[in-house]
């Protein structure tokens, strides 16, 4: 079971929701090239915000992801697409089904 995770909450600028969604779909493709990323999910919340949830077996995998190509691409587009900086939380997974 993966024990390490990240949750990133992204708030799109008004009118940029479709672009954020497209960016996140591309992120899923990019995550395929990260062998230490066990799972990677993009979600859309009711209030127009978006989220990324991904899991890792260890801290080194999580850090590799935080310093990888998806994170770089997100930060490069943040000012254009997001109304506020991304909020990234490091999470410990306690149980799973």
Protein backbone atom coordinates (compact mmCIF):
# COMPACT_ATOMS: atom_id res chain seq x y z
CA UNK A 1 0.00 0.00 0.00
CA UNK A 2 1.25 3.48 -0.87
CA UNK A 3 1.76 5.47 2.33
CA UNK A 4 2.63 8.91 0.96
CA UNK A 5 0.41 11.25 -1.04
CA UNK A 6 -0.05 14.78 -2.27
CA UNK A 7 -3.22 16.78 -2.68
CA UNK A 8 -3.07 19.95 -4.72
CA UNK A 9 -6.05 22.30 -4.91
CA UNK A 10 -6.20 24.60 -7.93
CA UNK A 11 -8.65 27.47 -8.35
CA UNK A 12 -9.13 28.40 -12.00
CA UNK A 13 -9.46 31.99 -13.10
CA UNK A 14 -12.99 32.71 -14.35
CA UNK A 15 -13.24 31.53 -17.94
CA UNK A 16 -10.09 29.36 -17.68
CA UNK A 17 -11.81 26.20 -16.40
CA UNK A 18 -11.59 24.36 -19.74
CA UNK A 19 -7.89 25.17 -20.03
CA UNK A 20 -7.21 23.91 -16.50
CA UNK A 21 -9.11 20.72 -17.29
CA UNK A 22 -7.09 20.20 -20.47
CA UNK A 23 -3.86 20.86 -18.57
CA UNK A 24 -4.79 18.24 -15.98
CA UNK A 25 -5.63 15.67 -18.64
CA UNK A 26 -2.16 16.24 -20.09
CA UNK A 27 -0.75 15.83 -16.58
CA UNK A 28 -2.19 12.32 -16.46
CA UNK A 29 -0.24 11.48 -19.62
CA UNK A 30 2.93 12.98 -18.15
CA UNK A 31 2.49 10.98 -14.93
CA UNK A 32 2.92 7.79 -16.96
CA UNK A 33 6.62 8.68 -17.21
CA UNK A 34 7.03 8.83 -13.41
CA UNK A 35 7.76 5.29 -12.20
CA UNK A 36 7.64 6.33 -8.53
CA UNK A 37 4.14 7.82 -8.88
CA UNK A 38 1.82 4.93 -7.99
CA UNK A 39 -1.47 6.67 -8.80
CA UNK A 40 -2.39 10.09 -10.14
CA UNK A 41 -5.89 11.57 -10.17
CA UNK A 42 -7.27 14.88 -11.38
CA UNK A 43 -10.66 16.00 -10.08
CA UNK A 44 -13.09 18.87 -10.54
CA UNK A 45 -14.82 20.15 -7.42
CA UNK A 46 -18.33 21.63 -7.24
CA UNK A 47 -17.10 25.19 -6.74
CA UNK A 48 -15.08 25.26 -9.97
CA UNK A 49 -11.85 24.36 -8.24
CA UNK A 50 -9.75 21.42 -9.36
CA UNK A 51 -7.58 18.98 -7.49
CA UNK A 52 -4.71 16.59 -8.03
CA UNK A 53 -4.26 13.57 -5.77
CA UNK A 54 -1.30 11.26 -6.23
CA UNK A 55 0.30 8.48 -4.21
CA UNK A 56 3.82 7.18 -3.63
CA UNK A 57 5.52 4.32 -1.82
CA UNK A 58 8.07 6.56 -0.13
CA UNK A 59 9.19 10.13 0.44
CA UNK A 60 11.76 9.98 -2.35
CA UNK A 61 8.99 9.26 -4.87
CA UNK A 62 6.91 12.13 -3.55
CA UNK A 63 9.88 14.52 -3.70
CA UNK A 64 10.75 13.37 -7.22
CA UNK A 65 7.20 14.22 -8.27
CA UNK A 66 7.28 17.62 -6.54
CA UNK A 67 10.47 18.42 -8.46
CA UNK A 68 9.37 16.79 -11.73
CA UNK A 69 7.99 17.90 -15.05
CA UNK A 70 4.33 18.11 -14.01
CA UNK A 71 5.14 20.46 -11.13
CA UNK A 72 7.34 22.59 -13.40
CA UNK A 73 4.58 22.80 -16.02
CA UNK A 74 2.00 23.70 -13.38
CA UNK A 75 4.09 26.50 -11.95
CA UNK A 76 4.82 27.84 -15.46
CA UNK A 77 1.06 28.06 -16.19
CA UNK A 78 -0.17 29.04 -12.72
CA UNK A 79 -0.22 32.80 -13.33
CA UNK A 80 -2.10 32.40 -16.60
CA UNK A 81 -4.68 29.80 -15.48
CA UNK A 82 -5.13 30.10 -11.71
CA UNK A 83 -6.70 32.82 -9.59
CA UNK A 84 -4.42 31.96 -6.64
CA UNK A 85 -1.25 29.93 -6.13
CA UNK A 86 -1.75 26.15 -5.97
CA UNK A 87 -2.19 24.83 -2.44
CA UNK A 88 -0.20 21.59 -2.06
CA UNK A 89 -0.59 19.36 1.00
CA UNK A 90 1.62 16.41 1.91
CA UNK A 91 -0.60 13.59 3.15
CA UNK A 92 0.06 10.32 5.00
CA UNK A 93 -2.22 7.47 3.92
CA UNK A 94 -3.45 5.58 6.96
CA UNK A 95 -5.72 2.94 5.40
CA UNK A 96 -7.13 1.85 2.06
CA UNK A 97 -9.67 -0.55 0.66
